[in-house]
N, C-alpha and C. Protein backbone atom coordinates (compact mmCIF):
# COMPACT_ATOMS: atom_id res chain seq x y z
N MET A 1 56.07 -25.28 0.68
CA MET A 1 55.47 -26.39 0.00
C MET A 1 56.53 -27.12 -0.83
N LYS A 2 56.66 -28.42 -0.59
CA LYS A 2 57.64 -29.23 -1.31
C LYS A 2 56.95 -30.45 -1.91
N VAL A 3 57.63 -31.10 -2.83
CA VAL A 3 57.11 -32.33 -3.42
C VAL A 3 56.91 -33.36 -2.31
N GLY A 4 55.75 -33.99 -2.32
CA GLY A 4 55.42 -34.99 -1.30
C GLY A 4 54.55 -34.44 -0.17
N ASP A 5 54.45 -33.12 -0.04
CA ASP A 5 53.61 -32.53 1.00
C ASP A 5 52.13 -32.73 0.69
N ILE A 6 51.33 -32.82 1.74
CA ILE A 6 49.88 -32.86 1.61
C ILE A 6 49.36 -31.47 1.97
N ILE A 7 48.59 -30.88 1.05
CA ILE A 7 48.04 -29.54 1.30
C ILE A 7 46.53 -29.61 1.29
N ARG A 8 45.89 -28.65 1.94
CA ARG A 8 44.43 -28.58 2.01
C ARG A 8 43.98 -27.32 1.27
N LEU A 9 43.03 -27.49 0.36
CA LEU A 9 42.49 -26.37 -0.41
C LEU A 9 41.13 -25.96 0.14
N LYS A 10 40.76 -24.69 -0.09
CA LYS A 10 39.50 -24.16 0.42
C LYS A 10 38.29 -24.84 -0.22
N LYS A 11 38.35 -25.07 -1.54
CA LYS A 11 37.22 -25.65 -2.25
C LYS A 11 37.46 -27.16 -2.45
N PRO A 12 36.49 -28.00 -2.07
CA PRO A 12 36.70 -29.45 -2.22
C PRO A 12 36.61 -29.91 -3.67
N HIS A 13 37.26 -31.01 -3.96
CA HIS A 13 37.19 -31.69 -5.27
C HIS A 13 35.80 -32.31 -5.38
N PRO A 14 35.29 -32.54 -6.58
CA PRO A 14 33.96 -33.16 -6.71
C PRO A 14 33.80 -34.49 -5.97
N CYS A 15 34.89 -35.19 -5.70
CA CYS A 15 34.79 -36.45 -4.94
C CYS A 15 34.55 -36.20 -3.45
N GLY A 16 34.62 -34.94 -3.02
CA GLY A 16 34.35 -34.58 -1.62
C GLY A 16 35.59 -34.36 -0.78
N ASN A 17 36.77 -34.56 -1.33
CA ASN A 17 38.01 -34.42 -0.59
C ASN A 17 38.64 -33.05 -0.86
N ASN A 18 39.34 -32.50 0.11
CA ASN A 18 40.04 -31.23 -0.13
C ASN A 18 41.54 -31.34 0.20
N GLU A 19 42.05 -32.56 0.29
CA GLU A 19 43.48 -32.77 0.53
C GLU A 19 44.16 -33.25 -0.74
N TRP A 20 45.30 -32.63 -1.05
CA TRP A 20 46.03 -32.92 -2.28
C TRP A 20 47.50 -33.15 -1.97
N LYS A 21 48.13 -34.04 -2.72
CA LYS A 21 49.56 -34.31 -2.59
C LYS A 21 50.29 -33.57 -3.70
N VAL A 22 51.37 -32.87 -3.36
CA VAL A 22 52.16 -32.14 -4.34
C VAL A 22 53.08 -33.13 -5.06
N LEU A 23 52.92 -33.23 -6.39
CA LEU A 23 53.74 -34.13 -7.19
C LEU A 23 54.88 -33.40 -7.91
N ARG A 24 54.67 -32.12 -8.23
CA ARG A 24 55.67 -31.33 -8.95
C ARG A 24 55.48 -29.88 -8.58
N GLU A 25 56.58 -29.15 -8.46
CA GLU A 25 56.50 -27.72 -8.19
C GLU A 25 57.35 -26.96 -9.18
N GLY A 26 56.98 -25.74 -9.42
CA GLY A 26 57.65 -24.88 -10.37
C GLY A 26 56.73 -23.70 -10.64
N ILE A 27 56.67 -23.23 -11.89
CA ILE A 27 55.72 -22.18 -12.23
C ILE A 27 54.30 -22.72 -12.06
N ASP A 28 54.11 -23.98 -12.47
CA ASP A 28 52.85 -24.69 -12.26
C ASP A 28 53.09 -25.81 -11.25
N PHE A 29 52.04 -26.16 -10.54
CA PHE A 29 52.10 -27.28 -9.61
C PHE A 29 51.25 -28.42 -10.15
N ARG A 30 51.72 -29.65 -9.97
CA ARG A 30 50.91 -30.82 -10.28
C ARG A 30 50.47 -31.41 -8.95
N LEU A 31 49.17 -31.54 -8.77
CA LEU A 31 48.60 -32.04 -7.52
C LEU A 31 47.82 -33.31 -7.80
N LYS A 32 47.78 -34.19 -6.80
CA LYS A 32 47.03 -35.43 -6.90
C LYS A 32 46.05 -35.50 -5.73
N CYS A 33 44.78 -35.74 -6.04
CA CYS A 33 43.76 -35.87 -5.00
C CYS A 33 44.08 -37.11 -4.16
N VAL A 34 44.09 -36.94 -2.85
CA VAL A 34 44.43 -38.04 -1.95
C VAL A 34 43.36 -39.13 -1.98
N LYS A 35 42.10 -38.75 -2.20
CA LYS A 35 41.00 -39.72 -2.15
C LYS A 35 40.82 -40.49 -3.45
N CYS A 36 40.69 -39.77 -4.58
CA CYS A 36 40.35 -40.46 -5.84
C CYS A 36 41.53 -40.61 -6.81
N GLY A 37 42.64 -39.91 -6.57
CA GLY A 37 43.81 -40.07 -7.40
C GLY A 37 43.86 -39.20 -8.64
N ARG A 38 42.89 -38.33 -8.82
CA ARG A 38 42.87 -37.43 -9.99
C ARG A 38 44.04 -36.45 -9.90
N GLU A 39 44.71 -36.21 -11.03
CA GLU A 39 45.83 -35.28 -11.06
C GLU A 39 45.43 -34.01 -11.81
N VAL A 40 45.83 -32.86 -11.28
CA VAL A 40 45.53 -31.57 -11.90
C VAL A 40 46.79 -30.72 -11.91
N TRP A 41 46.86 -29.79 -12.89
CA TRP A 41 47.91 -28.79 -12.95
C TRP A 41 47.28 -27.47 -12.56
N ILE A 42 47.99 -26.69 -11.74
CA ILE A 42 47.46 -25.41 -11.31
C ILE A 42 48.61 -24.41 -11.20
N ALA A 43 48.36 -23.18 -11.63
CA ALA A 43 49.37 -22.13 -11.61
C ALA A 43 49.73 -21.75 -10.17
N ARG A 44 50.97 -21.40 -9.94
CA ARG A 44 51.46 -21.05 -8.61
C ARG A 44 50.64 -19.92 -7.98
N GLU A 45 50.37 -18.87 -8.73
CA GLU A 45 49.63 -17.72 -8.19
C GLU A 45 48.22 -18.10 -7.78
N ARG A 46 47.56 -18.94 -8.57
CA ARG A 46 46.21 -19.37 -8.23
C ARG A 46 46.22 -20.28 -7.01
N LEU A 47 47.20 -21.15 -6.93
CA LEU A 47 47.31 -22.08 -5.81
C LEU A 47 47.52 -21.34 -4.49
N LYS A 48 48.31 -20.26 -4.51
CA LYS A 48 48.54 -19.47 -3.30
C LYS A 48 47.24 -18.99 -2.69
N ARG A 49 46.28 -18.62 -3.54
CA ARG A 49 45.00 -18.10 -3.05
C ARG A 49 44.08 -19.20 -2.56
N LEU A 50 44.27 -20.43 -3.03
CA LEU A 50 43.35 -21.53 -2.70
C LEU A 50 43.74 -22.34 -1.48
N ILE A 51 44.99 -22.19 -1.01
CA ILE A 51 45.46 -23.00 0.11
C ILE A 51 44.88 -22.49 1.43
N VAL A 52 44.44 -23.42 2.26
CA VAL A 52 43.95 -23.09 3.61
C VAL A 52 45.18 -22.96 4.50
N LYS A 53 45.27 -21.87 5.21
CA LYS A 53 46.38 -21.65 6.15
C LYS A 53 46.00 -22.27 7.50
N ASP A 54 46.67 -23.36 7.85
CA ASP A 54 46.40 -24.06 9.11
C ASP A 54 47.34 -23.61 10.22
N GLY A 55 47.50 -22.31 10.35
CA GLY A 55 48.37 -21.79 11.40
C GLY A 55 49.85 -21.91 11.06
N LEU A 56 50.18 -22.08 9.80
CA LEU A 56 51.58 -22.19 9.39
C LEU A 56 52.17 -20.84 9.12
């Protein structure tokens, strides 16, 4: 996962979308919802569990 990548999470955002763009990586990740533009911070360990593995 790198800055600029689009990732898919298991649980959708309240706007109905589950695709997020990575804006910052480190101990915490900053993600932006592709549909509504909302930005969230999420811990690396929590994000690892929430990502959908699409055969990668």
